[in-house]
Amino acid sequence: MYAKRNSTENSVRNVTVEWRNRNNNNNKKEGSSLSSINEKFITKSYIYSDASELNSYMSTLFDYVLVVGLQEHKTCSSDQLNLYEYFSKLTPIILWKYPEEISNMNTAIPEFCFPDPSSRTEYKKNDSEIFQFTLTNFDASRTYGYCIRVCQKNKNPIVICIISQIDALEMYYTVLLEAAKLYQSNMNDLKLFLSAIYHKSFPNRGESLVVGFGDPNRKEIILNRCIDRRLEHINLNTILNYPFDFVIDIFESFLTEKKIIFLSNKLSLLSSTIQAFETLLYPFNWPHTYIPVLPSYLIEMCDAPTPYIIGLMRSCKSDLSKYRSGGVDGDMLIVDLDKQRFIYDTAPAPRSASSNHRILPESLLKALKIDLYNLVHNNSSNKSQLTDLDKNVELCRVFLKVFVKTIGNYANFIVPDKDNKEQFIFLEKEFINEAKSPEIKKFLDYFTKTQLFEVFIVKKLTPGIRFGLMFDDAIRKEEFESNRHSLAVNVCSQKAITIRQLKNKDKTRKARF
């Protein structure tokens, strides 16, 4: 079943794992460096983590790993006129797992590894690709599946899938790339590699694990944990390959909690784009159904009455006609990522080129487009010196500024409860009425009624939860810049008044003589 390696040049018999940037461990390799870690971002990792990471303790690096393949079997035709007609069908099955004793796994995972229709020709259209799926548990927590689909000559592809409770895209993708190489050379080496890293405790943000193979001819691999979780899902190429209006329309659809279905031929594009848009919501988290990759046999979930984010392969598009009733009230949007357009035949578009359908203030929309244009065309100050990482940080900042401008004064309306001084309440009406402009007030009238905002406020009112600290930091910076600008304007005004007064006195003096 598995290919065997003919030589032992790349043996991984002596796999070693070491920490880097771990404060309480000085076991570092001499002469080694980690250029991808930007030291200016190294700080307390809880600032950059979400609640699930703070409340979770993982004694292992991942839950388990599966190798999922396709099994062909004959299925009887459903046509009553052809009872003796059979056709071939491919069904996902688990070929291998690590650790072997794992038994409490989700039985639906193989279907998520191969979510597209079970057609042999469909699987051979695309090259090997990396993608991610998300499972929402009964307690609203999420389980993440990190996958790489490996194409094999004259064989059906396989998928290597890492299951984890933690969202650590960059680190797990590095593991997947190495696992795919080892799978194609020697399964024993794959098992040795996974066993070497499995029992390592999960790294904090800003830390790294260095995996060596005991072979001077083979490079070590570095498992990085990005210090800012947003940067694992944001990429300029993911977002800014699309027209600005297209991006903003989708962003607003998230804010208004629509039912949004994304379509694409590529799993990698589907999952990465959906994750990127959800990340742009920071400091808010999507509180509804979230399935970046949905198997075709579960397409009935598109008929759910509540908001959702769902990603489907393009081959499922024709089946969506059964669920058009879900969009009668204009609450469904189907996004065609490949053709960069919206499909409006299921319902009236929740957005159009007309600003009448917008909820964001027009002034902020203009500023957002200008910022995006400057980022793409490298027009802002110091852009020539920015790295890709810096540009991704800038993209996060551009969208974060929208929330700073609209709800940046929220903390002023969190006050002690009169009946219970140990608890706090949020003065929603006062918050809306104190909006800086009628446009922002209109936005707040709508946005404060969403679950996005409600969950945000609940977290802010809950004692002991350090949540959205980067957002609060951005608000303080905005206030500082605003106060500095006001001070500069006042100083200039005072100077102008003083000069005017001196000129008037001079004129009066001359008139007397």
Protein backbone atom coordinates (compact mmCIF):
# COMPACT_ATOMS: atom_id res chain seq x y z
CA MET A 1 0.00 0.00 0.00
CA TYR A 2 2.80 2.41 0.81
CA ALA A 3 5.86 3.22 -1.27
CA LYS A 4 9.18 2.11 0.23
CA ARG A 5 12.33 4.16 0.03
CA ASN A 6 15.27 2.55 -1.76
CA SER A 7 18.01 4.49 0.03
CA THR A 8 18.63 5.61 3.62
CA GLU A 9 20.10 9.03 2.87
CA ASN A 10 17.17 10.87 4.44
CA SER A 11 16.61 8.62 7.42
CA VAL A 12 14.85 10.20 10.38
CA ARG A 13 15.97 7.63 12.93
CA ASN A 14 17.39 10.31 15.23
CA VAL A 15 14.70 12.96 15.33
CA THR A 16 15.38 15.68 17.92
CA VAL A 17 13.09 18.48 19.01
CA GLU A 18 14.26 21.67 20.75
CA TRP A 19 12.66 24.88 21.94
CA ARG A 20 13.45 28.34 20.67
CA ASN A 21 12.31 31.59 22.32
CA ARG A 22 11.17 29.66 25.39
CA ASN A 23 11.81 31.89 28.39
CA ASN A 24 12.40 29.14 30.91
CA ASN A 25 14.57 26.95 28.69
CA ASN A 26 18.07 27.88 27.54
CA ASN A 27 18.56 24.78 25.43
CA LYS A 28 19.31 26.55 22.15
CA LYS A 29 21.49 25.42 19.31
CA GLU A 30 24.65 27.41 18.88
CA GLY A 31 24.99 29.27 15.62
CA SER A 32 21.32 28.78 14.65
CA SER A 33 18.94 31.61 13.92
CA LEU A 34 15.24 32.08 13.35
CA SER A 35 14.87 34.94 10.92
CA SER A 36 11.10 34.46 10.57
CA ILE A 37 10.52 35.48 14.19
CA ASN A 38 10.38 39.25 14.44
CA GLU A 39 11.70 40.14 17.88
CA LYS A 40 9.67 43.33 18.13
CA PHE A 41 6.52 41.20 18.34
CA ILE A 42 7.78 39.07 21.24
CA THR A 43 5.65 39.90 24.26
CA LYS A 44 3.23 38.17 26.62
CA SER A 45 1.44 35.67 24.43
CA TYR A 46 -1.94 35.97 26.15
CA ILE A 47 -2.34 39.41 24.59
CA TYR A 48 -2.49 37.80 21.16
CA SER A 49 -4.48 34.69 22.03
CA ASP A 50 -8.21 34.11 22.02
CA ALA A 51 -10.25 32.64 24.87
CA SER A 52 -10.09 29.07 23.58
CA GLU A 53 -6.30 29.13 23.70
CA LEU A 54 -6.23 30.62 27.19
CA ASN A 55 -8.64 28.03 28.57
CA SER A 56 -7.10 25.02 26.82
CA TYR A 57 -4.13 23.05 27.99
CA MET A 58 -2.65 20.68 25.47
CA SER A 59 -0.05 18.27 26.75
CA THR A 60 0.58 17.09 23.19
CA LEU A 61 1.29 18.98 20.00
CA PHE A 62 -1.88 17.67 18.30
CA ASP A 63 -4.77 15.32 19.01
CA TYR A 64 -4.13 12.79 16.25
CA VAL A 65 -3.18 12.36 12.59
CA LEU A 66 -5.13 10.47 9.94
CA VAL A 67 -4.23 9.29 6.47
CA VAL A 68 -7.49 9.17 4.51
CA GLY A 69 -7.86 7.46 1.15
CA LEU A 70 -10.61 6.50 -1.25
CA GLN A 71 -12.19 3.08 -1.54
CA GLU A 72 -14.07 2.10 -4.67
CA HIS A 73 -17.18 -0.02 -4.41
CA LYS A 74 -20.13 -0.90 -6.62
CA THR A 75 -23.46 0.77 -5.87
CA CYS A 76 -26.81 -0.27 -7.24
CA SER A 77 -28.58 2.28 -9.43
CA SER A 78 -31.44 4.19 -7.80
CA ASP A 79 -33.33 4.06 -11.10
CA GLN A 80 -36.14 1.52 -10.73
CA LEU A 81 -36.02 0.80 -14.46
CA ASN A 82 -32.40 -0.33 -14.15
CA LEU A 83 -32.38 -2.46 -11.01
CA TYR A 84 -29.39 -4.48 -12.21
CA GLU A 85 -27.29 -1.49 -13.21
CA TYR A 86 -24.32 -0.73 -10.96
CA PHE A 87 -21.88 2.16 -10.91
CA SER A 88 -18.57 2.76 -9.16
CA LYS A 89 -18.47 5.08 -6.16
CA LEU A 90 -15.52 6.35 -4.18
CA THR A 91 -15.87 6.51 -0.41
CA PRO A 92 -13.35 8.12 1.97
CA ILE A 93 -11.82 5.67 4.44
CA ILE A 94 -9.11 5.86 7.11
CA LEU A 95 -5.96 4.08 5.93
CA TRP A 96 -3.72 4.87 8.90
CA LYS A 97 -3.77 6.83 12.13
CA TYR A 98 -1.41 8.07 14.81
CA PRO A 99 -1.52 7.35 17.67
CA GLU A 100 -2.88 3.94 16.79
CA GLU A 101 -4.83 3.62 20.06
CA ILE A 102 -6.99 6.69 19.34
CA SER A 103 -10.61 5.59 19.24
CA ASN A 104 -12.78 8.63 20.13
CA MET A 105 -12.44 10.35 16.78
CA ASN A 106 -15.19 12.07 14.84
CA THR A 107 -16.45 9.62 12.22
CA ALA A 108 -17.29 12.45 9.81
CA ILE A 109 -13.67 13.59 9.42
CA PRO A 110 -12.93 11.44 6.31
CA GLU A 111 -15.83 13.12 4.50
CA PHE A 112 -14.35 16.54 5.27
CA CYS A 113 -11.02 15.40 3.85
CA PHE A 114 -12.78 14.62 0.54
CA PRO A 115 -15.76 17.02 0.50
CA ASP A 116 -16.14 17.18 -3.27
CA PRO A 117 -18.41 14.74 -5.17
CA SER A 118 -17.09 11.17 -5.25
CA SER A 119 -15.94 11.22 -8.84
CA ARG A 120 -12.60 9.80 -9.90
CA THR A 121 -12.11 12.47 -12.57
CA GLU A 122 -12.94 15.28 -10.11
CA TYR A 123 -10.08 14.31 -7.79
CA LYS A 124 -7.54 14.30 -10.61
CA LYS A 125 -8.30 17.82 -11.82
CA ASN A 126 -6.37 19.66 -9.12
CA ASP A 127 -2.78 19.30 -7.98
CA SER A 128 -1.86 18.60 -4.38
CA GLU A 129 -3.22 21.33 -2.14
CA ILE A 130 -3.38 22.36 1.50
CA PHE A 131 -6.64 23.32 3.18
CA GLN A 132 -8.32 23.51 6.57
CA PHE A 133 -11.77 22.56 7.85
CA THR A 134 -13.48 23.44 11.11
CA LEU A 135 -15.89 21.41 13.23
CA THR A 136 -18.07 23.23 15.77
CA ASN A 137 -18.69 21.21 18.92
CA PHE A 138 -21.83 21.15 21.07
CA ASP A 139 -20.29 23.63 23.54
CA ALA A 140 -19.55 26.04 20.64
CA SER A 141 -15.83 25.27 20.81
CA ARG A 142 -14.05 24.42 17.58
CA THR A 143 -11.97 21.49 16.39
CA TYR A 144 -9.59 22.18 13.52
CA GLY A 145 -8.56 19.84 10.73
CA TYR A 146 -5.36 20.71 8.82
CA CYS A 147 -5.09 18.80 5.57
CA ILE A 148 -2.77 18.23 2.64
CA ARG A 149 -4.07 16.34 -0.36
CA VAL A 150 -1.29 14.33 -2.00
CA CYS A 151 -1.75 13.28 -5.62
CA GLN A 152 -0.28 9.92 -6.63
CA LYS A 153 0.55 8.75 -10.13
CA ASN A 154 -1.97 6.20 -11.42
CA LYS A 155 -3.60 6.11 -7.98
CA ASN A 156 -6.30 7.95 -6.13
CA PRO A 157 -5.02 10.80 -3.94
CA ILE A 158 -4.72 10.58 -0.17
CA VAL A 159 -5.18 13.24 2.48
CA ILE A 160 -3.00 13.62 5.55
CA CYS A 161 -5.07 15.32 8.25
CA ILE A 162 -3.95 16.74 11.61
CA ILE A 163 -6.71 17.19 14.19
CA SER A 164 -6.23 19.78 16.94
CA GLN A 165 -8.22 21.93 19.36
CA ILE A 166 -5.95 24.91 18.66
CA ASP A 167 -5.93 27.25 15.70
CA ALA A 168 -2.24 27.28 14.68
CA LEU A 169 -2.29 27.32 10.90
CA GLU A 170 1.34 28.17 10.14
CA MET A 171 2.80 25.59 12.51
CA TYR A 172 0.59 22.70 11.42
CA TYR A 173 1.07 23.42 7.72
CA THR A 174 4.82 23.05 8.25
CA VAL A 175 4.18 19.66 9.86
CA LEU A 176 1.94 18.65 6.95
CA LEU A 177 4.54 19.46 4.30
CA GLU A 178 7.13 17.31 6.08
CA ALA A 179 4.62 14.53 6.70
CA ALA A 180 3.72 14.43 2.99
CA LYS A 181 7.39 13.99 2.04
CA LEU A 182 7.85 11.18 4.55
CA TYR A 183 4.62 9.45 3.51
CA GLN A 184 5.87 9.18 -0.05
CA SER A 185 9.23 7.78 1.06
CA ASN A 186 8.75 5.59 4.12
CA MET A 187 5.83 5.14 6.52
CA ASN A 188 8.14 4.12 9.37
CA ASP A 189 9.92 7.45 9.08
CA LEU A 190 6.56 9.25 9.16
CA LYS A 191 5.66 7.43 12.36
CA LEU A 192 9.04 8.27 13.95
CA PHE A 193 8.62 11.93 13.02
CA LEU A 194 5.11 12.18 14.48
CA SER A 195 6.07 10.32 17.65
CA ALA A 196 9.00 12.71 18.20
CA ILE A 197 6.82 15.84 18.10
CA TYR A 198 3.54 14.41 19.48
CA HIS A 199 4.53 14.43 23.15
CA LYS A 200 5.88 17.98 23.10
CA SER A 201 3.78 20.50 25.00
CA PHE A 202 2.04 23.06 22.87
CA PRO A 203 4.15 26.21 22.32
CA ASN A 204 3.04 29.67 23.34
CA ARG A 205 2.77 32.41 20.76
CA GLY A 206 6.15 33.68 19.67
CA GLU A 207 7.82 30.35 20.47
CA SER A 208 9.15 27.71 18.09
CA LEU A 209 10.03 24.04 18.02
CA VAL A 210 13.12 23.05 16.04
CA VAL A 211 13.04 19.51 14.64
CA GLY A 212 16.37 17.97 13.66
CA PHE A 213 16.83 14.68 11.82
CA GLY A 214 20.32 13.64 12.88
CA ASP A 215 21.54 14.04 9.31
CA PRO A 216 23.94 16.88 8.35
CA ASN A 217 22.65 16.73 4.78
CA ARG A 218 19.09 17.37 5.85
CA LYS A 219 17.81 20.74 6.99
CA GLU A 220 16.04 21.06 10.31
CA ILE A 221 12.45 22.26 10.22
CA ILE A 222 11.12 25.02 12.42
CA LEU A 223 7.57 24.96 13.78
CA ASN A 224 6.67 28.60 14.41
CA ARG A 225 3.77 29.93 16.44
CA CYS A 226 2.89 33.33 15.08
CA ILE A 227 2.78 35.96 17.81
CA ASP A 228 -0.40 37.48 16.34
CA ARG A 229 -3.04 34.89 15.46
CA ARG A 230 -4.58 37.17 12.80
CA LEU A 231 -1.43 37.02 10.70
CA GLU A 232 -1.81 33.26 10.25
CA HIS A 233 -4.97 33.78 8.21
CA ILE A 234 -4.37 37.13 6.54
CA ASN A 235 -2.49 37.35 3.29
CA LEU A 236 -2.47 40.17 0.80
CA ASN A 237 -2.80 37.71 -2.07
CA THR A 238 -5.85 36.13 -0.43
CA ILE A 239 -7.81 39.35 0.03
CA LEU A 240 -6.50 41.94 -2.39
CA ASN A 241 -6.66 39.81 -5.51
CA TYR A 242 -10.35 40.70 -5.46
CA PRO A 243 -11.91 44.07 -6.39
CA PHE A 244 -12.20 46.43 -3.41
CA ASP A 245 -16.00 46.67 -3.66
CA PHE A 246 -16.20 42.87 -3.72
CA VAL A 247 -14.10 42.66 -0.53
CA ILE A 248 -16.08 45.36 1.25
CA ASP A 249 -19.42 43.81 0.26
CA ILE A 250 -18.39 40.49 1.81
CA PHE A 251 -17.04 42.24 4.90
CA GLU A 252 -20.36 44.05 5.39
CA SER A 253 -22.26 40.78 4.87
CA PHE A 254 -20.32 39.35 7.80
CA LEU A 255 -21.19 42.41 9.91
CA THR A 256 -24.89 42.03 9.13
CA GLU A 257 -24.75 38.29 9.92
CA LYS A 258 -26.11 37.04 6.61
CA LYS A 259 -26.20 33.46 5.44
CA ILE A 260 -23.12 33.39 3.24
CA ILE A 261 -22.12 30.53 0.93
CA PHE A 262 -18.73 30.57 -0.78
CA LEU A 263 -18.11 28.53 -3.94
CA SER A 264 -14.78 27.54 -5.50
CA ASN A 265 -13.12 24.75 -7.46
CA LYS A 266 -10.14 24.77 -5.12
CA LEU A 267 -10.29 23.70 -1.49
CA SER A 268 -7.21 25.75 -0.64
CA LEU A 269 -8.76 28.97 -1.99
CA LEU A 270 -12.09 28.20 -0.34
CA SER A 271 -10.76 27.65 3.17
CA SER A 272 -8.07 30.36 3.13
CA THR A 273 -10.41 33.08 1.84
CA ILE A 274 -13.15 32.32 4.36
CA GLN A 275 -10.62 32.26 7.21
CA ALA A 276 -9.16 35.56 6.05
CA PHE A 277 -12.54 37.31 6.04
CA GLU A 278 -13.42 35.96 9.48
CA THR A 279 -10.07 37.23 10.77
CA LEU A 280 -10.85 40.73 9.48
CA LEU A 281 -13.74 40.82 11.96
CA TYR A 282 -11.33 41.21 14.88
CA PRO A 283 -12.07 42.07 17.71
CA PHE A 284 -15.29 40.20 16.94
CA ASN A 285 -15.69 36.46 16.46
CA TRP A 286 -18.28 34.88 14.18
CA PRO A 287 -20.76 33.37 16.71
CA HIS A 288 -22.85 31.31 14.30
CA THR A 289 -22.37 28.16 12.22
CA TYR A 290 -18.94 28.24 10.62
CA ILE A 291 -17.95 25.52 8.11
CA PRO A 292 -15.23 26.68 5.68
CA VAL A 293 -15.38 23.30 3.91
CA LEU A 294 -18.70 21.43 3.87
CA PRO A 295 -18.99 17.90 2.42
CA SER A 296 -21.56 17.67 -0.35
CA TYR A 297 -23.66 15.10 1.51
CA LEU A 298 -24.31 17.72 4.25
CA ILE A 299 -25.55 20.40 1.86
CA GLU A 300 -28.93 20.40 3.63
CA MET A 301 -27.28 22.57 6.26
CA CYS A 302 -27.73 25.44 3.80
CA ASP A 303 -31.42 25.31 4.74
CA ALA A 304 -30.66 26.32 8.34
CA PRO A 305 -32.76 29.25 9.63
CA THR A 306 -29.86 30.94 11.40
CA PRO A 307 -26.84 32.81 9.97
CA TYR A 308 -23.90 30.75 8.76
CA ILE A 309 -20.65 30.79 6.83
CA ILE A 310 -20.34 27.76 4.56
CA GLY A 311 -17.82 26.83 1.90
CA LEU A 312 -18.82 24.45 -0.92
CA MET A 313 -17.11 23.03 -3.96
CA ARG A 314 -18.40 24.53 -7.20
CA SER A 315 -19.79 21.13 -8.24
CA CYS A 316 -22.49 21.63 -5.57
CA LYS A 317 -23.80 24.83 -7.16
CA SER A 318 -26.71 23.18 -8.98
CA ASP A 319 -27.93 21.59 -5.74
CA LEU A 320 -28.27 25.01 -4.08
CA SER A 321 -31.48 25.65 -6.03
CA LYS A 322 -33.30 23.49 -3.46
CA TYR A 323 -32.47 25.98 -0.72
CA ARG A 324 -33.37 29.24 -2.42
CA SER A 325 -36.28 29.71 -0.04
CA GLY A 326 -33.68 30.54 2.61
CA GLY A 327 -32.96 33.79 0.83
CA VAL A 328 -36.50 35.14 0.31
CA ASP A 329 -35.89 37.90 2.83
CA GLY A 330 -32.59 38.84 1.29
CA ASP A 331 -30.57 37.18 4.04
CA MET A 332 -28.60 34.80 1.79
CA LEU A 333 -25.57 35.64 -0.29
CA ILE A 334 -23.71 33.22 -2.57
CA VAL A 335 -20.15 34.24 -3.38
CA ASP A 336 -18.39 32.85 -6.45
CA LEU A 337 -14.70 33.16 -5.55
CA ASP A 338 -13.40 31.84 -8.87
CA LYS A 339 -15.35 34.35 -10.97
CA GLN A 340 -15.17 37.10 -8.34
CA ARG A 341 -18.85 37.84 -8.37
CA PHE A 342 -22.03 37.38 -6.36
CA ILE A 343 -24.81 35.03 -7.40
CA TYR A 344 -28.05 36.88 -6.84
CA ASP A 345 -30.54 34.42 -8.35
CA THR A 346 -31.33 32.91 -4.94
CA ALA A 347 -32.31 36.20 -3.34
CA PRO A 348 -32.04 39.95 -3.72
CA ALA A 349 -28.47 41.03 -3.04
CA PRO A 350 -27.89 42.31 0.46
CA ARG A 351 -25.49 44.78 -1.13
CA SER A 352 -25.27 46.63 -4.40
CA ALA A 353 -23.22 49.44 -5.87
CA SER A 354 -25.75 51.82 -4.39
CA SER A 355 -24.83 53.20 -0.99
CA ASN A 356 -28.49 52.81 0.06
CA HIS A 357 -27.75 49.18 0.85
CA ARG A 358 -24.67 49.91 2.93
CA ILE A 359 -24.55 49.96 6.71
CA LEU A 360 -21.03 51.36 7.10
CA PRO A 361 -20.79 55.15 7.03
CA GLU A 362 -19.92 56.51 3.59
CA SER A 363 -16.95 58.43 4.96
CA LEU A 364 -15.45 55.23 6.39
CA LEU A 365 -16.07 53.36 3.14
CA LYS A 366 -14.15 55.99 1.20
CA ALA A 367 -11.29 55.92 3.72
CA LEU A 368 -11.23 52.11 3.60
CA LYS A 369 -10.95 52.07 -0.20
CA ILE A 370 -8.16 54.65 -0.10
CA ASP A 371 -6.22 52.62 2.48
CA LEU A 372 -6.63 49.44 0.43
CA TYR A 373 -5.52 51.23 -2.73
CA ASN A 374 -2.44 52.63 -1.00
CA LEU A 375 -1.58 49.21 0.37
CA VAL A 376 -1.84 47.55 -3.04
CA HIS A 377 -0.04 50.27 -4.95
CA ASN A 378 2.59 50.95 -2.32
CA ASN A 379 1.65 54.62 -2.03
CA SER A 380 1.81 55.12 1.73
CA SER A 381 4.84 56.36 3.60
CA ASN A 382 7.65 53.83 4.12
CA LYS A 383 5.81 51.17 2.08
CA SER A 384 8.96 50.54 0.05
CA GLN A 385 10.60 49.16 3.18
CA LEU A 386 7.72 46.95 4.29
CA THR A 387 8.08 43.18 4.27
CA ASP A 388 5.19 40.84 3.45
CA LEU A 389 4.65 40.37 7.19
CA ASP A 390 4.49 44.14 7.70
CA LYS A 391 2.00 44.47 4.84
CA ASN A 392 -0.21 41.82 6.40
CA VAL A 393 -0.07 43.70 9.70
CA GLU A 394 -1.07 46.84 7.80
CA LEU A 395 -4.03 45.05 6.19
CA CYS A 396 -5.27 44.02 9.66
CA ARG A 397 -4.86 47.60 10.83
CA VAL A 398 -6.86 48.97 7.89
CA PHE A 399 -9.96 46.95 8.80
CA LEU A 400 -9.45 47.35 12.54
CA LYS A 401 -9.63 51.12 12.03
CA VAL A 402 -13.27 50.72 10.92
CA PHE A 403 -14.19 49.46 14.39
CA VAL A 404 -11.98 52.00 16.15
CA LYS A 405 -13.86 54.80 14.36
CA THR A 406 -17.34 53.37 15.03
CA ILE A 407 -17.26 51.75 18.49
CA GLY A 408 -13.95 53.05 19.85
CA ASN A 409 -15.64 54.76 22.81
CA TYR A 410 -17.49 51.63 24.01
CA ALA A 411 -15.47 51.44 27.27
CA ASN A 412 -16.91 54.80 28.40
CA PHE A 413 -20.31 53.14 28.68
CA ILE A 414 -19.27 50.13 30.76
CA VAL A 415 -20.17 51.23 34.29
CA PRO A 416 -20.74 49.58 37.70
CA ASP A 417 -24.21 48.17 38.26
CA LYS A 418 -26.11 50.31 40.77
CA ASP A 419 -27.66 47.23 42.36
CA ASN A 420 -24.41 45.27 42.48
CA LYS A 421 -21.20 47.31 42.58
CA GLU A 422 -19.12 44.20 41.88
CA GLN A 423 -20.73 43.78 38.46
CA PHE A 424 -20.70 45.99 35.38
CA ILE A 425 -23.33 46.83 32.79
CA PHE A 426 -23.22 48.33 29.31
CA LEU A 427 -25.31 51.45 28.61
CA GLU A 428 -26.35 50.61 25.06
CA LYS A 429 -28.80 53.48 24.43
CA GLU A 430 -26.39 56.08 25.75
CA PHE A 431 -23.62 54.54 23.64
CA ILE A 432 -25.71 54.85 20.46
CA ASN A 433 -26.88 58.37 21.25
CA GLU A 434 -23.31 59.56 21.78
CA ALA A 435 -22.31 58.57 18.23
CA LYS A 436 -19.99 61.07 16.55
CA SER A 437 -22.22 61.49 13.50
CA PRO A 438 -25.71 60.54 12.22
CA GLU A 439 -24.04 58.00 9.88
CA ILE A 440 -22.28 56.24 12.73
CA LYS A 441 -25.46 56.35 14.84
CA LYS A 442 -27.35 54.61 12.04
CA PHE A 443 -24.64 51.94 11.91
CA LEU A 444 -24.71 51.46 15.69
CA ASP A 445 -28.51 51.17 15.72
CA TYR A 446 -28.11 48.07 13.55
CA PHE A 447 -24.79 46.65 14.69
CA THR A 448 -25.50 46.69 18.43
CA LYS A 449 -28.41 44.30 17.81
CA THR A 450 -26.16 41.63 16.26
CA GLN A 451 -24.73 38.66 18.12
CA LEU A 452 -21.28 39.75 16.98
CA PHE A 453 -21.54 42.84 19.17
CA GLU A 454 -23.47 41.13 21.95
CA VAL A 455 -20.81 38.43 22.43
CA PHE A 456 -18.09 41.09 22.36
CA ILE A 457 -19.74 43.09 25.15
CA VAL A 458 -20.46 40.00 27.24
CA LYS A 459 -16.77 39.09 27.13
CA LYS A 460 -15.81 42.63 28.09
CA LEU A 461 -18.19 42.50 31.06
CA THR A 462 -16.92 39.13 32.27
CA PRO A 463 -14.30 39.50 35.04
CA GLY A 464 -10.96 37.81 34.45
CA ILE A 465 -11.20 37.60 30.64
CA ARG A 466 -8.46 39.49 28.86
CA PHE A 467 -10.06 39.91 25.47
CA GLY A 468 -9.51 42.24 22.51
CA LEU A 469 -6.47 43.92 24.04
CA MET A 470 -4.97 44.82 20.66
CA PHE A 471 -8.23 46.57 19.82
CA ASP A 472 -8.08 48.56 23.06
CA ASP A 473 -4.48 49.46 22.28
CA ALA A 474 -5.52 50.69 18.82
CA ILE A 475 -8.23 52.84 20.45
CA ARG A 476 -5.69 54.44 22.80
CA LYS A 477 -3.39 55.20 19.87
CA GLU A 478 -6.26 56.76 17.95
CA GLU A 479 -7.21 58.90 20.94
CA PHE A 480 -3.59 59.99 21.39
CA GLU A 481 -3.29 60.99 17.74
CA SER A 482 -6.63 62.77 17.86
CA ASN A 483 -5.66 64.71 21.00
CA ARG A 484 -2.29 65.59 19.51
CA HIS A 485 -3.98 66.83 16.35
CA SER A 486 -6.47 68.88 18.38
CA LEU A 487 -3.65 70.35 20.42
CA ALA A 488 -1.74 71.26 17.26
CA VAL A 489 -4.86 72.90 15.81
CA ASN A 490 -5.42 74.86 19.04
CA VAL A 491 -1.81 76.02 19.09
CA CYS A 492 -2.05 77.15 15.48
CA SER A 493 -5.34 78.92 16.24
CA GLN A 494 -3.83 80.68 19.22
CA LYS A 495 -0.86 81.77 17.13
CA ALA A 496 -3.20 83.05 14.43
CA ILE A 497 -5.22 84.98 17.01
CA THR A 498 -2.07 86.43 18.56
CA ILE A 499 -0.73 87.53 15.17
CA ARG A 500 -4.09 89.06 14.30
CA GLN A 501 -4.19 90.92 17.60
CA LEU A 502 -0.68 92.25 17.09
CA LYS A 503 -1.59 93.43 13.59
CA ASN A 504 -4.70 95.17 14.90
CA LYS A 505 -2.69 96.88 17.64
CA ASP A 506 -0.15 97.97 15.08
CA LYS A 507 -2.88 99.41 12.86
CA THR A 508 -4.41 101.26 15.85
CA ARG A 509 -1.01 102.67 16.81
CA LYS A 510 -0.39 103.91 13.27
CA ALA A 511 -3.86 105.49 13.10
CA ARG A 512 -3.15 107.51 16.24
CA PHE A 513 -0.07 109.02 14.69
